[in-house]
N, C-alpha and C. Protein backbone atom coordinates (compact mmCIF):
# COMPACT_ATOMS: atom_id res chain seq x y z
N UNK A 1 -16.22 -6.55 -14.30
CA UNK A 1 -15.46 -5.67 -13.98
C UNK A 1 -14.73 -5.32 -15.41
N UNK A 2 -13.92 -6.24 -15.91
CA UNK A 2 -13.45 -6.07 -17.18
C UNK A 2 -14.16 -5.24 -17.97
N UNK A 3 -15.24 -5.60 -18.42
CA UNK A 3 -16.26 -5.15 -19.28
C UNK A 3 -16.68 -3.62 -19.04
N UNK A 4 -16.79 -3.20 -17.71
CA UNK A 4 -17.17 -2.28 -17.61
C UNK A 4 -15.82 -1.23 -17.54
N UNK A 5 -14.66 -1.85 -17.22
CA UNK A 5 -13.45 -0.90 -17.24
C UNK A 5 -12.83 -0.96 -18.82
N UNK A 6 -13.12 -1.54 -19.48
CA UNK A 6 -13.23 -1.16 -21.21
C UNK A 6 -14.28 -0.26 -21.66
N UNK A 7 -15.23 -0.37 -21.08
CA UNK A 7 -16.57 0.62 -21.91
C UNK A 7 -15.85 2.10 -21.02
N UNK A 8 -15.40 2.26 -20.04
CA UNK A 8 -14.92 3.45 -19.18
C UNK A 8 -13.52 3.95 -19.84
N UNK A 9 -12.83 2.99 -20.99
CA UNK A 9 -11.80 3.30 -21.08
C UNK A 9 -10.62 3.34 -20.04
N UNK A 10 -10.65 2.24 -19.18
CA UNK A 10 -9.96 2.40 -18.00
C UNK A 10 -8.82 1.02 -18.34
N UNK A 11 -7.64 1.45 -18.38
CA UNK A 11 -6.62 0.10 -18.32
C UNK A 11 -6.34 -0.69 -17.02
N UNK A 12 -6.95 -1.83 -16.65
CA UNK A 12 -6.37 -2.20 -15.60
C UNK A 12 -5.20 -2.81 -15.38
N UNK A 13 -4.46 -2.65 -14.28
CA UNK A 13 -3.07 -3.47 -14.18
C UNK A 13 -3.26 -4.49 -13.30
N UNK A 14 -2.94 -5.70 -13.42
CA UNK A 14 -3.33 -6.74 -12.44
C UNK A 14 -1.76 -7.06 -12.01
N UNK A 15 -1.50 -7.10 -10.74
CA UNK A 15 -0.14 -7.14 -10.12
C UNK A 15 -0.35 -8.62 -9.34
N UNK A 16 1.06 -9.35 -9.34
CA UNK A 16 1.27 -10.30 -9.27
C UNK A 16 0.84 -10.80 -7.49
N UNK A 17 0.60 -11.80 -7.15
CA UNK A 17 0.20 -11.85 -5.96
C UNK A 17 1.33 -11.92 -4.82
N UNK A 18 1.48 -11.46 -3.59
CA UNK A 18 2.54 -11.30 -2.83
C UNK A 18 3.76 -10.63 -3.09
N UNK A 19 3.36 -9.29 -3.96
CA UNK A 19 4.29 -8.55 -4.44
C UNK A 19 4.05 -7.04 -3.72
N UNK A 20 3.99 -7.06 -2.34
CA UNK A 20 3.88 -5.64 -1.84
C UNK A 20 4.71 -4.49 -2.41
N UNK A 21 5.95 -4.82 -2.65
CA UNK A 21 6.65 -3.68 -3.39
C UNK A 21 6.36 -3.14 -4.56
N UNK A 22 5.21 -3.85 -5.17
CA UNK A 22 4.87 -3.18 -6.68
C UNK A 22 3.43 -2.47 -6.25
N UNK A 23 2.50 -2.57 -5.12
CA UNK A 23 1.66 -1.79 -4.75
C UNK A 23 1.79 -0.58 -3.89
N UNK A 24 1.55 0.62 -4.56
CA UNK A 24 2.28 2.14 -3.80
C UNK A 24 1.28 2.06 -2.35
N UNK A 25 0.52 1.73 -1.86
CA UNK A 25 -0.21 1.89 -0.73
C UNK A 25 0.25 1.02 0.17
N UNK A 26 0.94 -0.20 -0.08
CA UNK A 26 1.94 -1.02 0.70
C UNK A 26 3.02 -0.17 1.28
N UNK A 27 3.50 0.64 0.33
CA UNK A 27 4.83 1.33 0.88
C UNK A 27 4.30 2.44 1.92
N UNK A 28 3.13 2.92 1.18
CA UNK A 28 2.59 4.29 2.39
C UNK A 28 2.49 3.31 4.04
N UNK A 29 1.65 2.50 3.98
CA UNK A 29 1.47 1.52 5.43
C UNK A 29 2.97 1.34 5.89
N UNK A 30 4.18 0.91 5.18
CA UNK A 30 5.39 0.64 5.65
C UNK A 30 5.82 1.76 6.43
N UNK A 31 5.69 2.85 5.80
CA UNK A 31 6.12 4.09 6.30
C UNK A 31 5.07 4.94 7.63
N UNK A 32 3.80 4.37 7.49
CA UNK A 32 3.00 4.61 8.69
C UNK A 32 3.44 3.84 9.85
N UNK A 33 3.55 2.82 9.78
CA UNK A 33 4.10 1.40 10.63
C UNK A 33 5.07 1.91 11.06
N UNK A 34 6.34 2.27 10.45
CA UNK A 34 7.51 3.09 10.76
C UNK A 34 7.35 4.07 11.88
N UNK A 35 6.71 5.05 11.49
CA UNK A 35 6.66 6.21 12.15
C UNK A 35 5.89 5.80 13.51
N UNK A 36 4.69 5.00 13.56
CA UNK A 36 3.87 4.56 14.67
C UNK A 36 5.37 4.05 15.92
N UNK A 37 5.98 2.81 15.24
CA UNK A 37 6.87 2.14 15.96
C UNK A 37 7.85 2.91 16.85
N UNK A 38 8.21 3.90 16.08
CA UNK A 38 9.37 4.80 16.85
C UNK A 38 8.65 5.78 17.51
N UNK A 39 7.46 6.20 17.23
CA UNK A 39 6.71 7.12 18.51
C UNK A 39 6.50 6.06 20.06
N UNK A 40 6.09 5.04 19.55
CA UNK A 40 6.13 4.05 20.87
C UNK A 40 7.22 3.69 21.38
N UNK A 41 8.29 3.52 20.72
CA UNK A 41 9.72 3.45 21.47
C UNK A 41 10.05 4.62 22.14
N UNK A 42 9.64 5.80 21.80
CA UNK A 42 9.84 6.90 22.59
C UNK A 42 9.31 7.21 23.48
N UNK A 43 7.79 6.82 23.42
CA UNK A 43 6.97 6.80 24.86
C UNK A 43 7.82 5.97 26.10
N UNK A 44 7.88 4.77 25.43
CA UNK A 44 8.37 3.92 26.53
C UNK A 44 9.50 4.07 27.19
N UNK A 45 10.31 4.97 26.43
CA UNK A 45 11.96 4.86 26.89
C UNK A 45 11.95 6.54 27.35
N UNK A 46 10.84 7.19 27.74
CA UNK A 46 10.99 8.39 28.26
C UNK A 46 10.45 8.50 29.73
């Protein structure tokens, strides 16, 4: 994988394990989860 990335002139960034705050997709999933939880709360209490 590293060799292919180098050939394609792609810089790979390795993130430390257990660091979701550095991974942008984790922030998206956090927002989606919050929206779903809010929606479920509204449904249960109406």
